[in-house]
Amino acid sequence: MAAAGVVFAYRMGVHVTQLLVGGLEPYPLSAYFVSLTVLDAAVVVLLLRRPAAGLVLGATVLATDALANYVVDRSEAITPGRAGQAVISILTVALIAALPRTLGAIHGRA
């Protein structure tokens, strides 16, 4: 649970930094990427207060982020964006794979 909190706190920091440095330039799915700042923060708060809801929202945010990155950066070359997409995809698969067991443990069904 703590690892998920650290991942989403880091993501929130990255998205805030991107907003401060890059501003609100319009590009495909820009509204979604801006919303990640709030969504990542919501995941962190939920992980602290309602861990099961935080994990489910976190998995949803990671999955949609991976898909959005794929839609925006379809380059065939290895770019920083593609490397980031690979990391997000790995985290998504790991979190989704861990969800049933983790949610069972949270609800006392482990």
C-alpha atoms as a PDB file:
ATOM      1  CA  MET A   1       0.000   0.000   0.000  1.00  0.00           C
ATOM      2  CA  ALA A   2       2.830   2.366   0.889  1.00  0.00           C
ATOM      3  CA  ALA A   3       4.527   1.672  -2.451  1.00  0.00           C
ATOM      4  CA  ALA A   4       1.349   2.614  -4.325  1.00  0.00           C
ATOM      5  CA  GLY A   5       1.132   5.829  -2.313  1.00  0.00           C
ATOM      6  CA  VAL A   6       4.717   6.717  -3.194  1.00  0.00           C
ATOM      7  CA  VAL A   7       4.122   5.982  -6.895  1.00  0.00           C
ATOM      8  CA  PHE A   8       1.037   8.199  -7.059  1.00  0.00           C
ATOM      9  CA  ALA A   9       2.617  10.996  -4.984  1.00  0.00           C
ATOM     10  CA  TYR A  10       5.565  10.950  -7.407  1.00  0.00           C
ATOM     11  CA  ARG A  11       3.202  10.978 -10.416  1.00  0.00           C
ATOM     12  CA  MET A  12       1.351  13.943  -8.929  1.00  0.00           C
ATOM     13  CA  GLY A  13       4.648  15.821  -8.566  1.00  0.00           C
ATOM     14  CA  VAL A  14       5.603  15.021 -12.150  1.00  0.00           C
ATOM     15  CA  HIS A  15       2.252  16.248 -13.474  1.00  0.00           C
ATOM     16  CA  VAL A  16       2.398  19.463 -11.408  1.00  0.00           C
ATOM     17  CA  THR A  17       5.935  20.086 -12.712  1.00  0.00           C
ATOM     18  CA  GLN A  18       4.784  19.480 -16.285  1.00  0.00           C
ATOM     19  CA  LEU A  19       1.986  22.013 -15.809  1.00  0.00           C
ATOM     20  CA  LEU A  20       4.352  24.602 -14.348  1.00  0.00           C
ATOM     21  CA  VAL A  21       6.974  24.125 -17.063  1.00  0.00           C
ATOM     22  CA  GLY A  22       4.777  23.421 -20.086  1.00  0.00           C
ATOM     23  CA  GLY A  23       1.615  25.258 -19.183  1.00  0.00           C
ATOM     24  CA  LEU A  24      -1.747  24.359 -20.637  1.00  0.00           C
ATOM     25  CA  GLU A  25      -0.763  23.904 -24.270  1.00  0.00           C
ATOM     26  CA  PRO A  26      -3.591  22.350 -26.246  1.00  0.00           C
ATOM     27  CA  TYR A  27      -2.697  18.950 -27.666  1.00  0.00           C
ATOM     28  CA  PRO A  28      -4.586  15.689 -28.048  1.00  0.00           C
ATOM     29  CA  LEU A  29      -6.021  14.579 -24.699  1.00  0.00           C
ATOM     30  CA  SER A  30      -4.535  17.591 -22.885  1.00  0.00           C
ATOM     31  CA  ALA A  31      -7.571  17.887 -20.595  1.00  0.00           C
ATOM     32  CA  TYR A  32      -7.089  14.277 -19.518  1.00  0.00           C
ATOM     33  CA  PHE A  33      -3.379  14.758 -18.820  1.00  0.00           C
ATOM     34  CA  VAL A  34      -4.093  17.908 -16.777  1.00  0.00           C
ATOM     35  CA  SER A  35      -6.733  15.977 -14.818  1.00  0.00           C
ATOM     36  CA  LEU A  36      -4.076  13.441 -13.819  1.00  0.00           C
ATOM     37  CA  THR A  37      -2.749  16.026 -11.361  1.00  0.00           C
ATOM     38  CA  VAL A  38      -6.038  15.853  -9.450  1.00  0.00           C
ATOM     39  CA  LEU A  39      -6.635  12.141 -10.033  1.00  0.00           C
ATOM     40  CA  ASP A  40      -3.197  11.169  -8.704  1.00  0.00           C
ATOM     41  CA  ALA A  41      -3.798  13.304  -5.603  1.00  0.00           C
ATOM     42  CA  ALA A  42      -7.214  11.668  -5.135  1.00  0.00           C
ATOM     43  CA  VAL A  43      -5.595   8.229  -5.279  1.00  0.00           C
ATOM     44  CA  VAL A  44      -3.089   9.212  -2.571  1.00  0.00           C
ATOM     45  CA  VAL A  45      -5.856  10.520  -0.296  1.00  0.00           C
ATOM     46  CA  LEU A  46      -8.002   7.432  -0.886  1.00  0.00           C
ATOM     47  CA  LEU A  47      -5.080   5.100  -0.207  1.00  0.00           C
ATOM     48  CA  LEU A  48      -4.732   6.759   3.196  1.00  0.00           C
ATOM     49  CA  ARG A  49      -8.439   6.871   4.045  1.00  0.00           C
ATOM     50  CA  ARG A  50     -10.098   4.096   2.031  1.00  0.00           C
ATOM     51  CA  PRO A  51      -7.365   1.794   0.718  1.00  0.00           C
ATOM     52  CA  ALA A  52      -9.619  -0.464  -1.369  1.00  0.00           C
ATOM     53  CA  ALA A  53     -11.146   2.489  -3.226  1.00  0.00           C
ATOM     54  CA  GLY A  54      -7.672   4.003  -3.660  1.00  0.00           C
ATOM     55  CA  LEU A  55      -6.331   0.825  -5.247  1.00  0.00           C
ATOM     56  CA  VAL A  56      -9.269   0.507  -7.635  1.00  0.00           C
ATOM     57  CA  LEU A  57      -9.065   4.175  -8.662  1.00  0.00           C
ATOM     58  CA  GLY A  58      -5.282   3.871  -8.952  1.00  0.00           C
ATOM     59  CA  ALA A  59      -5.560   0.876 -11.281  1.00  0.00           C
ATOM     60  CA  THR A  60      -8.119   2.742 -13.381  1.00  0.00           C
ATOM     61  CA  VAL A  61      -5.954   5.872 -13.572  1.00  0.00           C
ATOM     62  CA  LEU A  62      -2.856   3.877 -14.546  1.00  0.00           C
ATOM     63  CA  ALA A  63      -4.707   1.895 -17.201  1.00  0.00           C
ATOM     64  CA  THR A  64      -6.261   4.982 -18.795  1.00  0.00           C
ATOM     65  CA  ASP A  65      -2.932   6.839 -18.582  1.00  0.00           C
ATOM     66  CA  ALA A  66      -1.146   3.999 -20.395  1.00  0.00           C
ATOM     67  CA  LEU A  67      -3.802   4.029 -23.100  1.00  0.00           C
ATOM     68  CA  ALA A  68      -3.722   7.831 -23.429  1.00  0.00           C
ATOM     69  CA  ASN A  69       0.072   7.805 -23.757  1.00  0.00           C
ATOM     70  CA  TYR A  70      -0.221   5.188 -26.489  1.00  0.00           C
ATOM     71  CA  VAL A  71      -2.754   7.329 -28.367  1.00  0.00           C
ATOM     72  CA  VAL A  72      -0.621  10.480 -28.122  1.00  0.00           C
ATOM     73  CA  ASP A  73       2.843   8.989 -28.767  1.00  0.00           C
ATOM     74  CA  ARG A  74       2.649   6.334 -31.496  1.00  0.00           C
ATOM     75  CA  SER A  75       6.301   6.791 -32.436  1.00  0.00           C
ATOM     76  CA  GLU A  76       8.171   3.626 -33.376  1.00  0.00           C
ATOM     77  CA  ALA A  77      11.456   4.944 -32.024  1.00  0.00           C
ATOM     78  CA  ILE A  78      12.487   4.771 -28.380  1.00  0.00           C
ATOM     79  CA  THR A  79      11.665   8.180 -26.916  1.00  0.00           C
ATOM     80  CA  PRO A  80      11.358   9.412 -23.323  1.00  0.00           C
ATOM     81  CA  GLY A  81       7.586   9.315 -23.799  1.00  0.00           C
ATOM     82  CA  ARG A  82       7.682   5.684 -24.939  1.00  0.00           C
ATOM     83  CA  ALA A  83       9.943   4.743 -22.006  1.00  0.00           C
ATOM     84  CA  GLY A  84       7.504   6.425 -19.631  1.00  0.00           C
ATOM     85  CA  GLN A  85       4.625   4.592 -21.285  1.00  0.00           C
ATOM     86  CA  ALA A  86       6.438   1.283 -20.736  1.00  0.00           C
ATOM     87  CA  VAL A  87       6.897   2.038 -17.031  1.00  0.00           C
ATOM     88  CA  ILE A  88       3.246   3.043 -16.657  1.00  0.00           C
ATOM     89  CA  SER A  89       2.168  -0.132 -18.470  1.00  0.00           C
ATOM     90  CA  ILE A  90       4.294  -2.331 -16.179  1.00  0.00           C
ATOM     91  CA  LEU A  91       2.912  -0.608 -13.073  1.00  0.00           C
ATOM     92  CA  THR A  92      -0.624  -1.013 -14.429  1.00  0.00           C
ATOM     93  CA  VAL A  93      -0.224  -4.759 -14.995  1.00  0.00           C
ATOM     94  CA  ALA A  94       1.392  -5.205 -11.560  1.00  0.00           C
ATOM     95  CA  LEU A  95      -1.346  -3.285  -9.743  1.00  0.00           C
ATOM     96  CA  ILE A  96      -4.190  -5.013 -11.582  1.00  0.00           C
ATOM     97  CA  ALA A  97      -2.592  -8.428 -10.959  1.00  0.00           C
ATOM     98  CA  ALA A  98      -2.263  -7.651  -7.234  1.00  0.00           C
ATOM     99  CA  LEU A  99      -5.781  -6.221  -6.850  1.00  0.00           C
ATOM    100  CA  PRO A 100      -7.753  -9.417  -6.091  1.00  0.00           C
ATOM    101  CA  ARG A 101      -5.374 -10.606  -3.392  1.00  0.00           C
ATOM    102  CA  THR A 102      -4.843  -7.141  -1.897  1.00  0.00           C
ATOM    103  CA  LEU A 103      -8.552  -6.316  -1.833  1.00  0.00           C
ATOM    104  CA  GLY A 104      -9.225  -9.717  -0.266  1.00  0.00           C
ATOM    105  CA  ALA A 105      -6.684  -8.966   2.458  1.00  0.00           C
ATOM    106  CA  ILE A 106      -8.184  -5.523   3.089  1.00  0.00           C
ATOM    107  CA  HIS A 107     -11.629  -7.049   3.460  1.00  0.00           C
ATOM    108  CA  GLY A 108     -10.379  -9.971   5.571  1.00  0.00           C
ATOM    109  CA  ARG A 109     -10.757 -12.664   2.917  1.00  0.00           C
ATOM    110  CA  ALA A 110      -7.096 -13.471   2.378  1.00  0.00           C
END
